[in-house]
């Protein structure tokens, strides 16, 4: 298994660098079930932030990218069940992906609740607003 940093993932997905994007595509083509790529949650979070904030990609395009990655049998995700749950929450709410990942991870860890100042996360993900 080969760990994949965000910059490799981003160049592969975005194809925005004439030097690095072709190398990233070649790398991904070389992954196999026997020697898959491992994607840490931090790389997924950074990729989503990049697609959303820097490239201003719409949510449906981000979901298409994430679902495409998740469906590849040559990739393994850190905490795959949390990633899948976060994708489901992101697809069905107005919350941002980071909050969906926090909610999924907290639930998997057995947290009784997640406190937040984010009204959308509270409304859509069942987090509890921390009041003063």
N, C-alpha and C. Protein backbone atom coordinates (compact mmCIF):
# COMPACT_ATOMS: atom_id res chain seq x y z
N UNK A 1 0.85 -1.17 0.00
CA UNK A 1 0.00 0.00 0.00
C UNK A 1 0.90 1.24 0.00
N UNK A 2 0.45 2.26 -0.73
CA UNK A 2 1.24 3.48 -0.90
C UNK A 2 0.41 4.67 -0.43
N UNK A 3 0.90 5.40 0.55
CA UNK A 3 0.22 6.60 1.03
C UNK A 3 0.26 7.70 -0.02
N UNK A 4 -0.83 8.46 -0.10
CA UNK A 4 -0.95 9.51 -1.12
C UNK A 4 -1.17 10.86 -0.44
N UNK A 5 -0.27 11.79 -0.70
CA UNK A 5 -0.37 13.15 -0.17
C UNK A 5 -1.40 13.95 -0.98
N UNK A 6 -1.91 14.98 -0.37
CA UNK A 6 -2.92 15.83 -1.00
C UNK A 6 -2.46 16.38 -2.34
N UNK A 7 -1.19 16.80 -2.45
CA UNK A 7 -0.76 17.44 -3.70
C UNK A 7 -0.80 16.45 -4.87
N UNK A 8 -0.53 15.18 -4.63
CA UNK A 8 -0.63 14.16 -5.69
C UNK A 8 -2.10 13.97 -6.07
N UNK A 9 -2.94 13.84 -5.07
CA UNK A 9 -4.38 13.68 -5.28
C UNK A 9 -4.96 14.86 -6.04
N UNK A 10 -4.58 16.06 -5.64
CA UNK A 10 -5.09 17.27 -6.28
C UNK A 10 -4.65 17.37 -7.74
N UNK A 11 -3.38 17.09 -8.00
CA UNK A 11 -2.90 17.18 -9.40
C UNK A 11 -3.60 16.15 -10.27
N UNK A 12 -3.88 14.97 -9.70
CA UNK A 12 -4.59 13.92 -10.43
C UNK A 12 -6.03 14.36 -10.73
N UNK A 13 -6.71 14.85 -9.73
CA UNK A 13 -8.12 15.23 -9.87
C UNK A 13 -8.28 16.49 -10.72
N UNK A 14 -7.49 17.51 -10.44
CA UNK A 14 -7.68 18.81 -11.06
C UNK A 14 -6.97 18.96 -12.40
N UNK A 15 -5.91 18.20 -12.62
CA UNK A 15 -5.19 18.28 -13.89
C UNK A 15 -4.70 19.68 -14.21
N UNK A 16 -4.32 20.42 -13.18
CA UNK A 16 -4.04 21.85 -13.33
C UNK A 16 -2.55 22.19 -13.43
N UNK A 17 -1.69 21.20 -13.45
CA UNK A 17 -0.26 21.48 -13.48
C UNK A 17 0.37 20.71 -14.63
N UNK A 18 0.93 21.40 -15.62
CA UNK A 18 1.46 20.71 -16.81
C UNK A 18 2.60 19.74 -16.50
N UNK A 19 3.31 19.96 -15.44
CA UNK A 19 4.42 19.08 -15.08
C UNK A 19 3.96 17.93 -14.18
N UNK A 20 3.22 18.26 -13.12
CA UNK A 20 2.88 17.26 -12.11
C UNK A 20 1.62 16.46 -12.41
N UNK A 21 0.64 17.04 -13.08
CA UNK A 21 -0.61 16.31 -13.35
C UNK A 21 -0.40 15.04 -14.16
N UNK A 22 0.39 15.07 -15.25
CA UNK A 22 0.62 13.82 -15.99
C UNK A 22 1.32 12.76 -15.14
N UNK A 23 2.24 13.17 -14.29
CA UNK A 23 2.93 12.22 -13.41
C UNK A 23 1.96 11.62 -12.40
N UNK A 24 1.04 12.45 -11.89
CA UNK A 24 0.04 11.95 -10.94
C UNK A 24 -0.90 10.96 -11.63
N UNK A 25 -1.32 11.25 -12.87
CA UNK A 25 -2.19 10.32 -13.60
C UNK A 25 -1.48 8.99 -13.84
N UNK A 26 -0.21 9.04 -14.20
CA UNK A 26 0.57 7.81 -14.40
C UNK A 26 0.66 7.03 -13.11
N UNK A 27 0.91 7.71 -12.01
CA UNK A 27 0.97 7.05 -10.70
C UNK A 27 -0.34 6.33 -10.41
N UNK A 28 -1.48 7.02 -10.57
CA UNK A 28 -2.78 6.42 -10.26
C UNK A 28 -3.08 5.24 -11.18
N UNK A 29 -2.68 5.31 -12.44
CA UNK A 29 -2.89 4.18 -13.35
C UNK A 29 -2.10 2.95 -12.90
N UNK A 30 -1.01 3.16 -12.19
CA UNK A 30 -0.17 2.05 -11.74
C UNK A 30 -0.65 1.38 -10.46
N UNK A 31 -1.64 1.95 -9.79
CA UNK A 31 -2.16 1.32 -8.57
C UNK A 31 -2.95 0.06 -8.91
N UNK A 32 -2.88 -0.91 -8.03
CA UNK A 32 -3.61 -2.17 -8.23
C UNK A 32 -4.29 -2.56 -6.92
N UNK A 33 -5.12 -3.58 -7.01
CA UNK A 33 -5.75 -4.10 -5.78
C UNK A 33 -4.69 -4.66 -4.84
N UNK A 34 -3.65 -5.24 -5.41
CA UNK A 34 -2.58 -5.82 -4.60
C UNK A 34 -1.66 -4.75 -4.02
N UNK A 35 -1.57 -3.63 -4.69
CA UNK A 35 -0.72 -2.52 -4.24
C UNK A 35 -1.51 -1.21 -4.39
N UNK A 36 -2.52 -1.03 -3.52
CA UNK A 36 -3.41 0.13 -3.66
C UNK A 36 -2.80 1.40 -3.07
N UNK A 37 -3.45 2.50 -3.41
CA UNK A 37 -3.12 3.78 -2.78
C UNK A 37 -3.93 3.95 -1.52
N UNK A 38 -3.31 4.53 -0.49
CA UNK A 38 -3.98 4.78 0.79
C UNK A 38 -4.16 6.29 0.93
N UNK A 39 -5.39 6.70 1.16
CA UNK A 39 -5.70 8.12 1.25
C UNK A 39 -6.10 8.47 2.68
N UNK A 40 -5.28 9.30 3.35
CA UNK A 40 -5.62 9.71 4.71
C UNK A 40 -6.77 10.72 4.71
N UNK A 41 -7.50 10.75 5.80
CA UNK A 41 -8.61 11.69 5.92
C UNK A 41 -8.14 13.14 5.77
N UNK A 42 -6.94 13.44 6.25
CA UNK A 42 -6.43 14.81 6.10
C UNK A 42 -6.32 15.19 4.63
N UNK A 43 -5.92 14.26 3.79
CA UNK A 43 -5.81 14.56 2.35
C UNK A 43 -7.18 14.79 1.73
N UNK A 44 -8.17 14.02 2.15
CA UNK A 44 -9.53 14.24 1.64
C UNK A 44 -10.03 15.61 2.06
N UNK A 45 -9.83 15.95 3.33
CA UNK A 45 -10.28 17.26 3.83
C UNK A 45 -9.58 18.40 3.07
N UNK A 46 -8.28 18.28 2.89
CA UNK A 46 -7.54 19.32 2.16
C UNK A 46 -8.00 19.41 0.71
N UNK A 47 -8.25 18.26 0.08
CA UNK A 47 -8.71 18.26 -1.31
C UNK A 47 -10.06 18.95 -1.43
N UNK A 48 -10.98 18.63 -0.53
CA UNK A 48 -12.30 19.26 -0.57
C UNK A 48 -12.17 20.77 -0.36
N UNK A 49 -11.34 21.17 0.58
CA UNK A 49 -11.14 22.61 0.82
C UNK A 49 -10.60 23.28 -0.46
N UNK A 50 -9.65 22.66 -1.09
CA UNK A 50 -9.05 23.20 -2.32
C UNK A 50 -10.09 23.31 -3.44
N UNK A 51 -10.87 22.26 -3.63
CA UNK A 51 -11.89 22.29 -4.69
C UNK A 51 -12.95 23.34 -4.40
N UNK A 52 -13.33 23.47 -3.14
CA UNK A 52 -14.38 24.42 -2.75
C UNK A 52 -13.88 25.86 -2.73
N UNK A 53 -12.83 26.10 -1.99
CA UNK A 53 -12.40 27.48 -1.73
C UNK A 53 -11.53 28.07 -2.84
N UNK A 54 -10.61 27.28 -3.37
CA UNK A 54 -9.70 27.81 -4.38
C UNK A 54 -10.29 27.70 -5.78
N UNK A 55 -10.86 26.53 -6.10
CA UNK A 55 -11.37 26.30 -7.46
C UNK A 55 -12.85 26.60 -7.60
N UNK A 56 -13.52 26.92 -6.49
CA UNK A 56 -14.93 27.30 -6.48
C UNK A 56 -15.82 26.28 -7.20
N UNK A 57 -15.49 25.01 -7.01
CA UNK A 57 -16.28 23.95 -7.62
C UNK A 57 -17.62 23.83 -6.89
N UNK A 58 -18.69 23.60 -7.64
CA UNK A 58 -19.98 23.41 -6.98
C UNK A 58 -20.01 22.09 -6.20
N UNK A 59 -20.88 22.04 -5.23
CA UNK A 59 -20.98 20.88 -4.35
C UNK A 59 -21.20 19.59 -5.14
N UNK A 60 -22.06 19.62 -6.17
CA UNK A 60 -22.31 18.39 -6.92
C UNK A 60 -21.06 17.89 -7.64
N UNK A 61 -20.20 18.80 -8.08
CA UNK A 61 -18.94 18.39 -8.71
C UNK A 61 -17.99 17.78 -7.68
N UNK A 62 -17.95 18.37 -6.49
CA UNK A 62 -17.11 17.82 -5.41
C UNK A 62 -17.60 16.43 -5.03
N UNK A 63 -18.91 16.27 -4.91
CA UNK A 63 -19.47 14.95 -4.60
C UNK A 63 -19.12 13.93 -5.68
N UNK A 64 -19.18 14.33 -6.93
CA UNK A 64 -18.84 13.42 -8.03
C UNK A 64 -17.39 12.96 -7.90
N UNK A 65 -16.49 13.89 -7.59
CA UNK A 65 -15.08 13.54 -7.40
C UNK A 65 -14.92 12.56 -6.25
N UNK A 66 -15.50 12.88 -5.10
CA UNK A 66 -15.35 12.03 -3.92
C UNK A 66 -15.96 10.65 -4.12
N UNK A 67 -17.12 10.60 -4.72
CA UNK A 67 -17.77 9.32 -4.97
C UNK A 67 -16.98 8.50 -5.98
N UNK A 68 -16.38 9.17 -6.96
CA UNK A 68 -15.54 8.48 -7.92
C UNK A 68 -14.31 7.86 -7.25
N UNK A 69 -13.70 8.61 -6.36
CA UNK A 69 -12.55 8.07 -5.63
C UNK A 69 -12.97 6.89 -4.76
N UNK A 70 -14.09 7.06 -4.06
CA UNK A 70 -14.55 6.00 -3.15
C UNK A 70 -14.85 4.70 -3.91
N UNK A 71 -15.27 4.81 -5.14
CA UNK A 71 -15.66 3.61 -5.91
C UNK A 71 -14.47 2.86 -6.51
N UNK A 72 -13.29 3.45 -6.48
CA UNK A 72 -12.11 2.80 -7.07
C UNK A 72 -11.63 1.66 -6.18
N UNK A 73 -11.43 0.51 -6.78
CA UNK A 73 -10.97 -0.64 -6.01
C UNK A 73 -9.45 -0.64 -5.83
N UNK A 74 -8.80 0.38 -6.29
CA UNK A 74 -7.35 0.50 -6.10
C UNK A 74 -6.99 1.56 -5.06
N UNK A 75 -8.01 2.02 -4.33
CA UNK A 75 -7.79 3.00 -3.27
C UNK A 75 -8.36 2.49 -1.96
N UNK A 76 -7.64 2.78 -0.89
CA UNK A 76 -8.07 2.44 0.46
C UNK A 76 -8.11 3.75 1.23
N UNK A 77 -9.18 3.97 1.97
CA UNK A 77 -9.34 5.21 2.73
C UNK A 77 -9.14 4.97 4.21
N UNK A 78 -8.42 5.86 4.83
CA UNK A 78 -8.33 5.85 6.29
C UNK A 78 -9.74 6.02 6.83
N UNK A 79 -10.10 5.18 7.78
CA UNK A 79 -11.44 5.26 8.40
C UNK A 79 -12.52 5.32 7.31
N UNK A 80 -12.51 4.31 6.46
CA UNK A 80 -13.41 4.28 5.29
C UNK A 80 -14.88 4.43 5.67
N UNK A 81 -15.30 3.82 6.76
CA UNK A 81 -16.71 3.93 7.17
C UNK A 81 -17.06 5.38 7.54
N UNK A 82 -16.14 6.07 8.21
CA UNK A 82 -16.37 7.48 8.56
C UNK A 82 -16.44 8.33 7.29
N UNK A 83 -15.56 8.04 6.33
CA UNK A 83 -15.57 8.76 5.06
C UNK A 83 -16.90 8.57 4.34
N UNK A 84 -17.38 7.33 4.27
CA UNK A 84 -18.66 7.05 3.61
C UNK A 84 -19.81 7.76 4.31
N UNK A 85 -19.80 7.73 5.63
CA UNK A 85 -20.86 8.42 6.40
C UNK A 85 -20.79 9.93 6.16
N UNK A 86 -19.58 10.49 6.15
CA UNK A 86 -19.43 11.92 5.88
C UNK A 86 -19.94 12.28 4.49
N UNK A 87 -19.66 11.43 3.51
CA UNK A 87 -20.18 11.66 2.15
C UNK A 87 -21.70 11.68 2.14
N UNK A 88 -22.30 10.73 2.85
CA UNK A 88 -23.76 10.68 2.93
C UNK A 88 -24.32 11.96 3.56
N UNK A 89 -23.70 12.38 4.66
CA UNK A 89 -24.15 13.61 5.33
C UNK A 89 -23.97 14.83 4.44
N UNK A 90 -22.84 14.90 3.74
CA UNK A 90 -22.55 16.03 2.85
C UNK A 90 -23.57 16.08 1.72
N UNK A 91 -23.91 14.92 1.18
CA UNK A 91 -24.85 14.84 0.08
C UNK A 91 -26.25 15.30 0.51
N UNK A 92 -26.61 15.01 1.76
CA UNK A 92 -27.99 15.24 2.20
C UNK A 92 -28.17 16.45 3.11
N UNK A 93 -27.16 17.32 3.20
CA UNK A 93 -27.27 18.48 4.08
C UNK A 93 -26.67 19.72 3.43
N UNK A 94 -26.79 20.82 4.13
CA UNK A 94 -26.15 22.07 3.69
C UNK A 94 -24.82 22.30 4.39
N UNK A 95 -24.45 21.39 5.26
CA UNK A 95 -23.20 21.54 6.03
C UNK A 95 -22.00 21.34 5.11
N UNK A 96 -20.87 21.93 5.50
CA UNK A 96 -19.67 21.71 4.69
C UNK A 96 -19.08 20.34 5.01
N UNK A 97 -18.21 19.87 4.13
CA UNK A 97 -17.68 18.51 4.26
C UNK A 97 -16.92 18.32 5.57
N UNK A 98 -16.17 19.33 5.98
CA UNK A 98 -15.40 19.21 7.22
C UNK A 98 -16.31 18.93 8.41
N UNK A 99 -17.43 19.63 8.49
CA UNK A 99 -18.37 19.39 9.58
C UNK A 99 -19.01 18.01 9.47
N UNK A 100 -19.27 17.57 8.25
CA UNK A 100 -19.81 16.22 8.06
C UNK A 100 -18.81 15.17 8.53
N UNK A 101 -17.55 15.40 8.25
CA UNK A 101 -16.51 14.47 8.68
C UNK A 101 -16.38 14.47 10.21
N UNK A 102 -16.48 15.64 10.81
CA UNK A 102 -16.44 15.73 12.28
C UNK A 102 -17.61 14.96 12.88
N UNK A 103 -18.81 15.17 12.34
CA UNK A 103 -19.99 14.48 12.86
C UNK A 103 -19.86 12.97 12.72
N UNK A 104 -19.42 12.50 11.57
CA UNK A 104 -19.27 11.06 11.34
C UNK A 104 -18.20 10.47 12.26
N UNK A 105 -17.10 11.16 12.40
CA UNK A 105 -16.00 10.67 13.24
C UNK A 105 -16.40 10.65 14.71
N UNK A 106 -17.11 11.68 15.15
CA UNK A 106 -17.54 11.74 16.55
C UNK A 106 -18.54 10.63 16.85
N UNK A 107 -19.44 10.38 15.92
CA UNK A 107 -20.40 9.29 16.12
C UNK A 107 -19.67 7.95 16.21
N UNK A 108 -18.72 7.73 15.32
CA UNK A 108 -17.96 6.47 15.33
C UNK A 108 -17.15 6.31 16.62
N UNK A 109 -16.72 7.43 17.19
CA UNK A 109 -15.94 7.39 18.43
C UNK A 109 -16.82 7.21 19.66
N UNK A 110 -18.12 7.29 19.47
CA UNK A 110 -19.03 7.11 20.59
C UNK A 110 -19.33 8.38 21.37
N UNK A 111 -19.07 9.52 20.78
CA UNK A 111 -19.35 10.79 21.47
C UNK A 111 -20.86 10.93 21.68
N UNK A 112 -21.23 11.47 22.83
CA UNK A 112 -22.64 11.67 23.12
C UNK A 112 -23.21 12.86 22.35
N UNK A 113 -22.34 13.79 21.98
CA UNK A 113 -22.75 14.95 21.19
C UNK A 113 -21.50 15.65 20.67
N UNK A 114 -21.73 16.56 19.74
CA UNK A 114 -20.67 17.43 19.22
C UNK A 114 -21.16 18.86 19.44
N UNK A 115 -20.34 19.67 20.08
CA UNK A 115 -20.72 21.07 20.29
C UNK A 115 -20.08 21.93 19.21
N UNK A 116 -20.78 23.01 18.88
CA UNK A 116 -20.34 23.87 17.80
C UNK A 116 -20.93 25.26 17.96
N UNK A 117 -20.35 26.21 17.25
CA UNK A 117 -20.93 27.54 17.10
C UNK A 117 -21.60 27.66 15.73
N UNK A 118 -21.48 26.64 14.90
CA UNK A 118 -21.96 26.64 13.52
C UNK A 118 -23.45 26.27 13.48
N UNK A 119 -24.29 27.23 13.13
CA UNK A 119 -25.74 27.02 13.13
C UNK A 119 -26.18 26.00 12.09
N UNK A 120 -25.51 25.97 10.94
CA UNK A 120 -25.87 25.00 9.91
C UNK A 120 -25.52 23.59 10.36
N UNK A 121 -24.35 23.40 10.96
CA UNK A 121 -23.95 22.08 11.46
C UNK A 121 -24.91 21.63 12.56
N UNK A 122 -25.34 22.54 13.39
CA UNK A 122 -26.30 22.19 14.44
C UNK A 122 -27.64 21.77 13.82
N UNK A 123 -28.10 22.56 12.89
CA UNK A 123 -29.40 22.27 12.26
C UNK A 123 -29.36 20.99 11.42
N UNK A 124 -28.36 20.85 10.58
CA UNK A 124 -28.34 19.75 9.62
C UNK A 124 -27.69 18.46 10.12
N UNK A 125 -26.79 18.58 11.07
CA UNK A 125 -26.03 17.41 11.50
C UNK A 125 -26.32 17.00 12.94
N UNK A 126 -27.19 17.73 13.60
CA UNK A 126 -27.55 17.38 14.96
C UNK A 126 -26.51 17.76 15.99
N UNK A 127 -25.58 18.62 15.62
CA UNK A 127 -24.62 19.11 16.61
C UNK A 127 -25.36 20.04 17.56
N UNK A 128 -24.76 20.28 18.70
CA UNK A 128 -25.38 21.15 19.71
C UNK A 128 -24.68 22.49 19.73
N UNK A 129 -25.49 23.56 19.58
CA UNK A 129 -24.93 24.90 19.67
C UNK A 129 -24.45 25.16 21.09
N UNK A 130 -23.24 25.62 21.20
CA UNK A 130 -22.68 25.95 22.50
C UNK A 130 -23.13 27.37 22.84
N UNK A 131 -23.96 27.47 23.86
CA UNK A 131 -24.46 28.80 24.23
C UNK A 131 -23.63 29.37 25.36
N UNK A 132 -23.74 30.68 25.49
CA UNK A 132 -22.96 31.35 26.54
C UNK A 132 -23.69 31.38 27.85
